[in-house]
Protein backbone atom coordinates (compact mmCIF):
# COMPACT_ATOMS: atom_id res chain seq x y z
CA MET A 1 135.05 9.07 79.83
CA ILE A 2 135.49 12.70 79.34
CA ARG A 3 134.07 13.40 82.89
CA SER A 4 137.11 11.10 84.35
CA ILE A 5 139.64 13.27 81.85
CA ALA A 6 138.37 16.85 82.94
CA THR A 7 138.50 15.52 86.65
CA LEU A 8 142.00 14.24 86.02
CA LEU A 9 143.03 17.28 84.47
CA VAL A 10 141.61 19.30 87.42
CA LEU A 11 143.48 17.36 89.62
CA VAL A 12 146.80 17.72 87.63
CA THR A 13 146.62 21.55 87.38
CA THR A 14 145.70 21.64 91.09
CA ALA A 15 148.72 19.60 91.90
CA LEU A 16 151.09 21.74 89.53
CA LEU A 17 149.76 25.07 90.91
CA GLY A 18 150.28 23.98 94.53
CA CYS A 19 153.99 23.03 93.76
CA SER A 20 156.42 25.82 93.75
CA ALA A 21 160.36 26.16 93.44
CA PRO A 22 162.43 25.88 96.82
CA GLU A 23 163.87 29.23 98.00
CA PRO A 24 167.56 29.55 97.25
CA PRO A 25 169.70 28.78 100.28
CA GLY A 26 171.07 31.78 102.35
CA GLN A 27 168.25 34.08 101.65
CA SER A 28 165.06 34.47 103.86
CA PRO A 29 162.44 36.36 102.70
CA ASP A 30 162.36 38.84 105.97
CA GLY A 31 165.62 40.36 104.87
CA PRO A 32 169.16 39.40 105.51
CA PRO A 33 170.08 37.13 108.72
CA ILE A 34 170.71 38.46 112.05
CA ALA A 35 173.99 38.37 113.81
CA VAL A 36 174.34 36.30 117.03
CA LYS A 37 177.21 36.42 119.78
CA LEU A 38 177.69 33.30 121.85
CA ALA A 39 178.88 33.96 125.58
CA THR A 40 179.69 31.59 128.33
CA ALA A 41 177.25 31.22 131.22
CA HIS A 42 178.90 32.60 134.26
CA GLU A 43 178.24 33.87 137.86
CA GLU A 44 178.41 37.51 138.73
CA ARG A 45 177.27 39.40 141.94
CA LEU A 46 174.55 41.89 141.02
CA ASP A 47 174.49 45.47 142.28
CA ALA A 48 172.22 46.11 145.47
CA SER A 49 170.73 49.49 144.06
CA TYR A 50 168.52 49.38 141.04
CA HIS A 51 167.05 52.91 139.41
CA ALA A 52 163.96 52.83 138.47
CA SER A 53 161.35 56.05 137.71
CA GLY A 54 157.87 56.04 138.98
CA THR A 55 155.39 58.11 141.38
CA VAL A 56 155.07 57.47 144.80
CA ARG A 57 151.50 58.14 146.29
CA GLY A 58 150.51 58.37 150.04
CA ARG A 59 148.09 55.46 151.13
CA THR A 60 145.66 58.01 152.30
CA THR A 61 145.29 61.54 150.58
CA ALA A 62 142.92 64.55 151.61
CA VAL A 63 141.64 67.84 149.61
CA LEU A 64 142.29 71.00 151.78
CA THR A 65 140.12 73.80 151.62
CA SER A 66 139.94 77.02 153.77
CA LYS A 67 136.86 78.77 154.97
CA THR A 68 137.92 81.82 153.77
CA VAL A 69 139.95 83.10 150.78
CA GLY A 70 143.08 84.75 150.95
CA TYR A 71 146.71 84.65 149.73
CA VAL A 72 148.89 82.09 151.41
CA ARG A 73 151.51 83.96 153.91
CA SER A 74 153.64 80.99 154.82
CA VAL A 75 153.32 76.98 154.67
CA ALA A 76 154.18 74.85 157.49
CA VAL A 77 154.90 71.54 156.27
CA ARG A 78 156.62 70.27 153.45
CA ALA A 79 155.52 66.97 150.83
CA GLY A 80 155.76 63.67 152.50
CA ASP A 81 155.34 65.19 156.23
CA ARG A 82 153.11 63.33 158.66
CA VAL A 83 150.44 65.76 159.95
CA GLN A 84 148.07 65.28 162.56
CA ALA A 85 144.33 66.60 163.04
CA GLY A 86 144.43 70.20 164.24
CA GLN A 87 148.09 70.77 163.26
CA VAL A 88 148.53 74.34 161.11
CA LEU A 89 149.22 73.61 157.84
CA ALA A 90 149.58 76.78 156.11
CA MET A 91 148.81 80.72 157.19
CA LEU A 92 146.76 82.50 154.96
CA GLU A 93 146.41 86.63 154.38
CA ALA A 94 143.03 87.07 155.19
CA ASN A 95 142.39 90.60 154.38
CA ASP A 96 138.73 90.40 153.51
CA SER A 97 138.15 88.36 156.93
CA SER A 98 140.09 91.12 158.73
CA ALA A 99 138.22 94.20 157.30
CA SER A 100 134.86 92.13 157.98
CA VAL A 101 135.48 91.81 161.52
CA ARG A 102 136.77 95.36 162.03
CA ARG A 103 133.17 96.46 160.27
CA ALA A 104 131.50 94.05 162.56
CA ASN A 105 133.06 95.43 165.55
CA ALA A 106 132.23 99.20 164.48
CA GLY A 107 128.64 98.16 163.94
CA LEU A 108 128.76 96.73 167.55
CA ASP A 109 129.87 99.73 168.63
CA GLN A 110 127.64 101.97 166.81
CA SER A 111 124.74 99.92 168.02
CA LEU A 112 126.13 100.27 171.92
CA GLU A 113 126.60 103.92 171.53
CA ALA A 114 122.71 104.12 170.22
CA ARG A 115 121.40 102.11 172.91
CA ALA A 116 123.26 103.97 175.71
CA GLU A 117 121.91 106.96 174.05
CA ALA A 118 118.30 105.81 173.83
CA ARG A 119 118.52 105.05 177.43
CA MET A 120 119.28 108.65 178.34
CA ARG A 121 116.58 110.28 176.72
């Protein structure tokens, strides 16, 4: 008998704790109600142009390097131009290369003079 009374008390207590008073009408727990506007459905012509931002990338890209180091004197193409193999894209000021060619030519001239002098003896 004590067991059934204890069980009954547990059930009644659980039922009472599970029940709560309903919220008062017109109030929501998330804040004030959101204003809603009504509109009638209608047909309307849309503009043909759309404005969007983004990045355009070419289907194929290539990394360009030169065989020599130098300052860029001029660029013969612009971004977006189509180019072909062998086309000149930029002109470099290759002062180091020019100096190397002059040194090599001077060395060649000196060797030719030395050979001519050696043949005369």
